[in-house]
Amino acid sequence: MGPEKPMKMGRKWEKPAASGRKRISHPGLIVEMNSSLAPEKGHFVMYTSDGGHFSIPLQCLHGNIFRELFKMSE
């Protein structure tokens, strides 16, 4: 997978996240904005520059999309 697909997905997800929607969905994946301080067991929390955070199931982190996004964020 080239870098274009994760970038396109990131742009697609920016608008709903900025508008304050509670969920951002992708086929086979639901990422929920979590208001609690402690993550649920088996979840990874990602914090955004605007102060928000997302709780993502650990099993999803093995996907190529997240690997590419992590590489881009370094």
PDB file of N, CA and C in Angstrom:
ATOM      1  N   MET A   1       0.843  -1.171   0.000  1.00  0.00           N
ATOM      2  CA  MET A   1       0.000   0.000   0.000  1.00  0.00           C
ATOM      3  C   MET A   1       0.889   1.235   0.000  1.00  0.00           C
ATOM      4  N   GLY A   2       0.577   2.152  -0.860  1.00  0.00           N
ATOM      5  CA  GLY A   2       1.331   3.390  -0.922  1.00  0.00           C
ATOM      6  C   GLY A   2       0.866   4.370   0.136  1.00  0.00           C
ATOM      7  N   PRO A   3       1.557   5.479   0.278  1.00  0.00           N
ATOM      8  CA  PRO A   3       1.188   6.461   1.304  1.00  0.00           C
ATOM      9  C   PRO A   3      -0.083   7.236   0.978  1.00  0.00           C
ATOM     10  N   GLU A   4      -0.573   7.125  -0.247  1.00  0.00           N
ATOM     11  CA  GLU A   4      -1.752   7.897  -0.631  1.00  0.00           C
ATOM     12  C   GLU A   4      -3.007   7.452   0.118  1.00  0.00           C
ATOM     13  N   LYS A   5      -3.182   6.131   0.278  1.00  0.00           N
ATOM     14  CA  LYS A   5      -4.401   5.635   0.911  1.00  0.00           C
ATOM     15  C   LYS A   5      -4.533   6.087   2.365  1.00  0.00           C
ATOM     16  N   PRO A   6      -3.507   5.931   3.215  1.00  0.00           N
ATOM     17  CA  PRO A   6      -3.655   6.423   4.594  1.00  0.00           C
ATOM     18  C   PRO A   6      -3.868   7.934   4.661  1.00  0.00           C
ATOM     19  N   MET A   7      -3.229   8.669   3.757  1.00  0.00           N
ATOM     20  CA  MET A   7      -3.410  10.122   3.763  1.00  0.00           C
ATOM     21  C   MET A   7      -4.846  10.468   3.407  1.00  0.00           C
ATOM     22  N   LYS A   8      -5.399   9.772   2.416  1.00  0.00           N
ATOM     23  CA  LYS A   8      -6.775  10.023   2.009  1.00  0.00           C
ATOM     24  C   LYS A   8      -7.729   9.679   3.155  1.00  0.00           C
ATOM     25  N   MET A   9      -7.466   8.567   3.840  1.00  0.00           N
ATOM     26  CA  MET A   9      -8.317   8.180   4.967  1.00  0.00           C
ATOM     27  C   MET A   9      -8.213   9.195   6.100  1.00  0.00           C
ATOM     28  N   GLY A  10      -7.007   9.681   6.358  1.00  0.00           N
ATOM     29  CA  GLY A  10      -6.830  10.681   7.407  1.00  0.00           C
ATOM     30  C   GLY A  10      -7.620  11.943   7.121  1.00  0.00           C
ATOM     31  N   ARG A  11      -7.579  12.389   5.865  1.00  0.00           N
ATOM     32  CA  ARG A  11      -8.349  13.580   5.486  1.00  0.00           C
ATOM     33  C   ARG A  11      -9.843  13.319   5.612  1.00  0.00           C
ATOM     34  N   LYS A  12     -10.268  12.114   5.223  1.00  0.00           N
ATOM     35  CA  LYS A  12     -11.683  11.758   5.300  1.00  0.00           C
ATOM     36  C   LYS A  12     -12.153  11.763   6.754  1.00  0.00           C
ATOM     37  N   TRP A  13     -11.294  11.302   7.668  1.00  0.00           N
ATOM     38  CA  TRP A  13     -11.664  11.216   9.075  1.00  0.00           C
ATOM     39  C   TRP A  13     -11.560  12.550   9.791  1.00  0.00           C
ATOM     40  N   GLU A  14     -10.776  13.501   9.268  1.00  0.00           N
ATOM     41  CA  GLU A  14     -10.588  14.794   9.933  1.00  0.00           C
ATOM     42  C   GLU A  14     -11.897  15.538  10.113  1.00  0.00           C
ATOM     43  N   LYS A  15     -12.684  15.628   9.052  1.00  0.00           N
ATOM     44  CA  LYS A  15     -13.907  16.427   9.099  1.00  0.00           C
ATOM     45  C   LYS A  15     -14.905  15.909  10.131  1.00  0.00           C
ATOM     46  N   PRO A  16     -15.251  14.602  10.120  1.00  0.00           N
ATOM     47  CA  PRO A  16     -16.186  14.137  11.154  1.00  0.00           C
ATOM     48  C   PRO A  16     -15.629  14.289  12.564  1.00  0.00           C
ATOM     49  N   ALA A  17     -14.335  14.072  12.749  1.00  0.00           N
ATOM     50  CA  ALA A  17     -13.742  14.196  14.081  1.00  0.00           C
ATOM     51  C   ALA A  17     -13.798  15.639  14.552  1.00  0.00           C
ATOM     52  N   ALA A  18     -13.544  16.573  13.664  1.00  0.00           N
ATOM     53  CA  ALA A  18     -13.567  17.984  14.023  1.00  0.00           C
ATOM     54  C   ALA A  18     -14.979  18.460  14.334  1.00  0.00           C
ATOM     55  N   SER A  19     -15.978  17.852  13.703  1.00  0.00           N
ATOM     56  CA  SER A  19     -17.350  18.287  13.929  1.00  0.00           C
ATOM     57  C   SER A  19     -17.927  17.744  15.231  1.00  0.00           C
ATOM     58  N   GLY A  20     -17.161  16.895  15.935  1.00  0.00           N
ATOM     59  CA  GLY A  20     -17.602  16.408  17.233  1.00  0.00           C
ATOM     60  C   GLY A  20     -18.451  15.152  17.189  1.00  0.00           C
ATOM     61  N   ARG A  21     -18.513  14.461  16.069  1.00  0.00           N
ATOM     62  CA  ARG A  21     -19.269  13.210  16.015  1.00  0.00           C
ATOM     63  C   ARG A  21     -18.641  12.201  16.956  1.00  0.00           C
ATOM     64  N   LYS A  22     -19.440  11.281  17.419  1.00  0.00           N
ATOM     65  CA  LYS A  22     -18.967  10.315  18.404  1.00  0.00           C
ATOM     66  C   LYS A  22     -18.222   9.139  17.788  1.00  0.00           C
ATOM     67  N   ARG A  23     -18.472   8.819  16.524  1.00  0.00           N
ATOM     68  CA  ARG A  23     -17.833   7.657  15.923  1.00  0.00           C
ATOM     69  C   ARG A  23     -17.287   7.980  14.546  1.00  0.00           C
ATOM     70  N   ILE A  24     -16.190   7.348  14.239  1.00  0.00           N
ATOM     71  CA  ILE A  24     -15.612   7.403  12.902  1.00  0.00           C
ATOM     72  C   ILE A  24     -15.547   5.957  12.452  1.00  0.00           C
ATOM     73  N   SER A  25     -16.244   5.629  11.377  1.00  0.00           N
ATOM     74  CA  SER A  25     -16.285   4.221  11.003  1.00  0.00           C
ATOM     75  C   SER A  25     -15.555   3.971   9.698  1.00  0.00           C
ATOM     76  N   HIS A  26     -15.049   2.800   9.592  1.00  0.00           N
ATOM     77  CA  HIS A  26     -14.360   2.307   8.403  1.00  0.00           C
ATOM     78  C   HIS A  26     -14.836   0.871   8.263  1.00  0.00           C
ATOM     79  N   PRO A  27     -14.984   0.334   7.066  1.00  0.00           N
ATOM     80  CA  PRO A  27     -15.479  -1.038   6.945  1.00  0.00           C
ATOM     81  C   PRO A  27     -14.706  -2.003   7.843  1.00  0.00           C
ATOM     82  N   GLY A  28     -15.412  -2.641   8.757  1.00  0.00           N
ATOM     83  CA  GLY A  28     -14.794  -3.608   9.655  1.00  0.00           C
ATOM     84  C   GLY A  28     -14.143  -3.004  10.883  1.00  0.00           C
ATOM     85  N   LEU A  29     -14.238  -1.688  11.063  1.00  0.00           N
ATOM     86  CA  LEU A  29     -13.568  -1.037  12.184  1.00  0.00           C
ATOM     87  C   LEU A  29     -14.430   0.102  12.694  1.00  0.00           C
ATOM     88  N   ILE A  30     -14.591   0.173  13.995  1.00  0.00           N
ATOM     89  CA  ILE A  30     -15.268   1.320  14.604  1.00  0.00           C
ATOM     90  C   ILE A  30     -14.318   1.901  15.633  1.00  0.00           C
ATOM     91  N   VAL A  31     -14.021   3.172  15.480  1.00  0.00           N
ATOM     92  CA  VAL A  31     -13.150   3.876  16.413  1.00  0.00           C
ATOM     93  C   VAL A  31     -14.040   4.829  17.185  1.00  0.00           C
ATOM     94  N   GLU A  32     -14.052   4.706  18.497  1.00  0.00           N
ATOM     95  CA  GLU A  32     -14.918   5.544  19.311  1.00  0.00           C
ATOM     96  C   GLU A  32     -14.107   6.579  20.068  1.00  0.00           C
ATOM     97  N   MET A  33     -14.675   7.788  20.151  1.00  0.00           N
ATOM     98  CA  MET A  33     -14.082   8.800  21.008  1.00  0.00           C
ATOM     99  C   MET A  33     -14.473   8.426  22.432  1.00  0.00           C
ATOM    100  N   ASN A  34     -13.511   8.307  23.289  1.00  0.00           N
ATOM    101  CA  ASN A  34     -13.742   7.822  24.640  1.00  0.00           C
ATOM    102  C   ASN A  34     -13.537   8.963  25.626  1.00  0.00           C
ATOM    103  N   SER A  35     -14.532   9.197  26.480  1.00  0.00           N
ATOM    104  CA  SER A  35     -14.417  10.306  27.422  1.00  0.00           C
ATOM    105  C   SER A  35     -13.824   9.879  28.765  1.00  0.00           C
ATOM    106  N   SER A  36     -13.692   8.580  29.013  1.00  0.00           N
ATOM    107  CA  SER A  36     -13.120   8.144  30.287  1.00  0.00           C
ATOM    108  C   SER A  36     -11.603   8.283  30.262  1.00  0.00           C
ATOM    109  N   LEU A  37     -11.011   8.386  31.429  1.00  0.00           N
ATOM    110  CA  LEU A  37      -9.568   8.559  31.514  1.00  0.00           C
ATOM    111  C   LEU A  37      -8.817   7.251  31.327  1.00  0.00           C
ATOM    112  N   ALA A  38      -9.360   6.145  31.801  1.00  0.00           N
ATOM    113  CA  ALA A  38      -8.690   4.851  31.681  1.00  0.00           C
ATOM    114  C   ALA A  38      -9.243   4.095  30.474  1.00  0.00           C
ATOM    115  N   PRO A  39      -8.370   3.611  29.608  1.00  0.00           N
ATOM    116  CA  PRO A  39      -8.856   2.864  28.442  1.00  0.00           C
ATOM    117  C   PRO A  39      -9.396   1.498  28.857  1.00  0.00           C
ATOM    118  N   GLU A  40     -10.299   0.974  28.045  1.00  0.00           N
ATOM    119  CA  GLU A  40     -10.808  -0.370  28.297  1.00  0.00           C
ATOM    120  C   GLU A  40      -9.698  -1.376  28.046  1.00  0.00           C
ATOM    121  N   LYS A  41      -9.808  -2.528  28.666  1.00  0.00           N
ATOM    122  CA  LYS A  41      -8.807  -3.573  28.472  1.00  0.00           C
ATOM    123  C   LYS A  41      -8.798  -3.983  26.998  1.00  0.00           C
ATOM    124  N   GLY A  42      -7.589  -4.079  26.424  1.00  0.00           N
ATOM    125  CA  GLY A  42      -7.457  -4.474  25.028  1.00  0.00           C
ATOM    126  C   GLY A  42      -7.581  -3.322  24.051  1.00  0.00           C
ATOM    127  N   HIS A  43      -7.490  -2.078  24.536  1.00  0.00           N
ATOM    128  CA  HIS A  43      -7.598  -0.898  23.679  1.00  0.00           C
ATOM    129  C   HIS A  43      -6.351  -0.030  23.804  1.00  0.00           C
ATOM    130  N   PHE A  44      -6.088   0.722  22.757  1.00  0.00           N
ATOM    131  CA  PHE A  44      -4.968   1.657  22.684  1.00  0.00           C
ATOM    132  C   PHE A  44      -5.564   3.044  22.514  1.00  0.00           C
ATOM    133  N   VAL A  45      -5.087   4.010  23.265  1.00  0.00           N
ATOM    134  CA  VAL A  45      -5.629   5.367  23.180  1.00  0.00           C
ATOM    135  C   VAL A  45      -4.664   6.247  22.403  1.00  0.00           C
ATOM    136  N   MET A  46      -5.191   6.954  21.418  1.00  0.00           N
ATOM    137  CA  MET A  46      -4.403   7.904  20.628  1.00  0.00           C
ATOM    138  C   MET A  46      -4.910   9.298  20.948  1.00  0.00           C
ATOM    139  N   TYR A  47      -4.002  10.189  21.294  1.00  0.00           N
ATOM    140  CA  TYR A  47      -4.357  11.567  21.610  1.00  0.00           C
ATOM    141  C   TYR A  47      -4.082  12.449  20.401  1.00  0.00           C
ATOM    142  N   THR A  48      -4.978  13.399  20.149  1.00  0.00           N
ATOM    143  CA  THR A  48      -4.837  14.287  18.999  1.00  0.00           C
ATOM    144  C   THR A  48      -4.312  15.643  19.440  1.00  0.00           C
ATOM    145  N   SER A  49      -3.822  16.413  18.485  1.00  0.00           N
ATOM    146  CA  SER A  49      -3.261  17.728  18.798  1.00  0.00           C
ATOM    147  C   SER A  49      -4.326  18.714  19.275  1.00  0.00           C
ATOM    148  N   ASP A  50      -5.603  18.463  18.960  1.00  0.00           N
ATOM    149  CA  ASP A  50      -6.661  19.370  19.395  1.00  0.00           C
ATOM    150  C   ASP A  50      -7.261  18.977  20.749  1.00  0.00           C
ATOM    151  N   GLY A  51      -6.622  18.026  21.444  1.00  0.00           N
ATOM    152  CA  GLY A  51      -7.067  17.650  22.777  1.00  0.00           C
ATOM    153  C   GLY A  51      -8.003  16.454  22.836  1.00  0.00           C
ATOM    154  N   GLY A  52      -8.425  15.942  21.707  1.00  0.00           N
ATOM    155  CA  GLY A  52      -9.295  14.767  21.694  1.00  0.00           C
ATOM    156  C   GLY A  52      -8.490  13.488  21.813  1.00  0.00           C
ATOM    157  N   HIS A  53      -9.192  12.380  21.972  1.00  0.00           N
ATOM    158  CA  HIS A  53      -8.512  11.092  21.993  1.00  0.00           C
ATOM    159  C   HIS A  53      -9.445  10.012  21.472  1.00  0.00           C
ATOM    160  N   PHE A  54      -8.849   8.965  20.927  1.00  0.00           N
ATOM    161  CA  PHE A  54      -9.581   7.863  20.339  1.00  0.00           C
ATOM    162  C   PHE A  54      -9.139   6.567  20.991  1.00  0.00           C
ATOM    163  N   SER A  55     -10.080   5.687  21.237  1.00  0.00           N
ATOM    164  CA  SER A  55      -9.796   4.365  21.781  1.00  0.00           C
ATOM    165  C   SER A  55      -9.922   3.361  20.643  1.00  0.00           C
ATOM    166  N   ILE A  56      -8.838   2.622  20.385  1.00  0.00           N
ATOM    167  CA  ILE A  56      -8.787   1.701  19.256  1.00  0.00           C
ATOM    168  C   ILE A  56      -8.479   0.305  19.777  1.00  0.00           C
ATOM    169  N   PRO A  57      -9.228  -0.715  19.336  1.00  0.00           N
ATOM    170  CA  PRO A  57      -8.910  -2.088  19.756  1.00  0.00           C
ATOM    171  C   PRO A  57      -7.495  -2.470  19.330  1.00  0.00           C
ATOM    172  N   LEU A  58      -6.757  -3.142  20.210  1.00  0.00           N
ATOM    173  CA  LEU A  58      -5.374  -3.521  19.916  1.00  0.00           C
ATOM    174  C   LEU A  58      -5.258  -4.375  18.666  1.00  0.00           C
ATOM    175  N   GLN A  59      -6.247  -5.208  18.388  1.00  0.00           N
ATOM    176  CA  GLN A  59      -6.184  -6.078  17.221  1.00  0.00           C
ATOM    177  C   GLN A  59      -6.148  -5.282  15.921  1.00  0.00           C
ATOM    178  N   CYS A  60      -6.628  -4.060  15.931  1.00  0.00           N
ATOM    179  CA  CYS A  60      -6.629  -3.236  14.717  1.00  0.00           C
ATOM    180  C   CYS A  60      -5.262  -2.620  14.436  1.00  0.00           C
ATOM    181  N   LEU A  61      -4.398  -2.550  15.442  1.00  0.00           N
ATOM    182  CA  LEU A  61      -3.097  -1.917  15.259  1.00  0.00           C
ATOM    183  C   LEU A  61      -2.163  -2.724  14.367  1.00  0.00           C
ATOM    184  N   HIS A  62      -2.484  -3.978  14.123  1.00  0.00           N
ATOM    185  CA  HIS A  62      -1.651  -4.816  13.262  1.00  0.00           C
ATOM    186  C   HIS A  62      -1.922  -4.554  11.785  1.00  0.00           C
ATOM    187  N   GLY A  63      -2.939  -3.786  11.472  1.00  0.00           N
ATOM    188  CA  GLY A  63      -3.287  -3.506  10.082  1.00  0.00           C
ATOM    189  C   GLY A  63      -2.294  -2.567   9.422  1.00  0.00           C
ATOM    190  N   ASN A  64      -2.178  -2.695   8.125  1.00  0.00           N
ATOM    191  CA  ASN A  64      -1.246  -1.858   7.359  1.00  0.00           C
ATOM    192  C   ASN A  64      -1.602  -0.378   7.428  1.00  0.00           C
ATOM    193  N   ILE A  65      -2.873  -0.070   7.522  1.00  0.00           N
ATOM    194  CA  ILE A  65      -3.293   1.335   7.547  1.00  0.00           C
ATOM    195  C   ILE A  65      -2.713   2.035   8.776  1.00  0.00           C
ATOM    196  N   PHE A  66      -2.847   1.416   9.943  1.00  0.00           N
ATOM    197  CA  PHE A  66      -2.319   2.038  11.157  1.00  0.00           C
ATOM    198  C   PHE A  66      -0.804   2.093  11.138  1.00  0.00           C
ATOM    199  N   ARG A  67      -0.166   1.081  10.598  1.00  0.00           N
ATOM    200  CA  ARG A  67       1.298   1.117  10.500  1.00  0.00           C
ATOM    201  C   ARG A  67       1.752   2.294   9.652  1.00  0.00           C
ATOM    202  N   GLU A  68       1.086   2.511   8.531  1.00  0.00           N
ATOM    203  CA  GLU A  68       1.436   3.638   7.662  1.00  0.00           C
ATOM    204  C   GLU A  68       1.175   4.970   8.367  1.00  0.00           C
ATOM    205  N   LEU A  69       0.052   5.068   9.069  1.00  0.00           N
ATOM    206  CA  LEU A  69      -0.255   6.310   9.790  1.00  0.00           C
ATOM    207  C   LEU A  69       0.769   6.585  10.888  1.00  0.00           C
ATOM    208  N   PHE A  70       1.204   5.548  11.602  1.00  0.00           N
ATOM    209  CA  PHE A  70       2.231   5.733  12.632  1.00  0.00           C
ATOM    210  C   PHE A  70       3.549   6.176  12.014  1.00  0.00           C
ATOM    211  N   LYS A  71       3.913   5.605  10.883  1.00  0.00           N
ATOM    212  CA  LYS A  71       5.151   6.004  10.208  1.00  0.00           C
ATOM    213  C   LYS A  71       5.077   7.466   9.782  1.00  0.00           C
ATOM    214  N   MET A  72       3.909   7.884   9.269  1.00  0.00           N
ATOM    215  CA  MET A  72       3.743   9.266   8.821  1.00  0.00           C
ATOM    216  C   MET A  72       3.818  10.239   9.992  1.00  0.00           C
ATOM    217  N   SER A  73       3.387   9.809  11.175  1.00  0.00           N
ATOM    218  CA  SER A  73       3.349  10.724  12.318  1.00  0.00           C
ATOM    219  C   SER A  73       4.709  10.908  12.984  1.00  0.00           C
ATOM    220  N   GLU A  74       5.679  10.060  12.672  1.00  0.00           N
ATOM    221  CA  GLU A  74       6.992  10.164  13.312  1.00  0.00           C
ATOM    222  C   GLU A  74       7.727  11.413  12.928  1.00  0.00           C
TER     223      GLU A  74
END
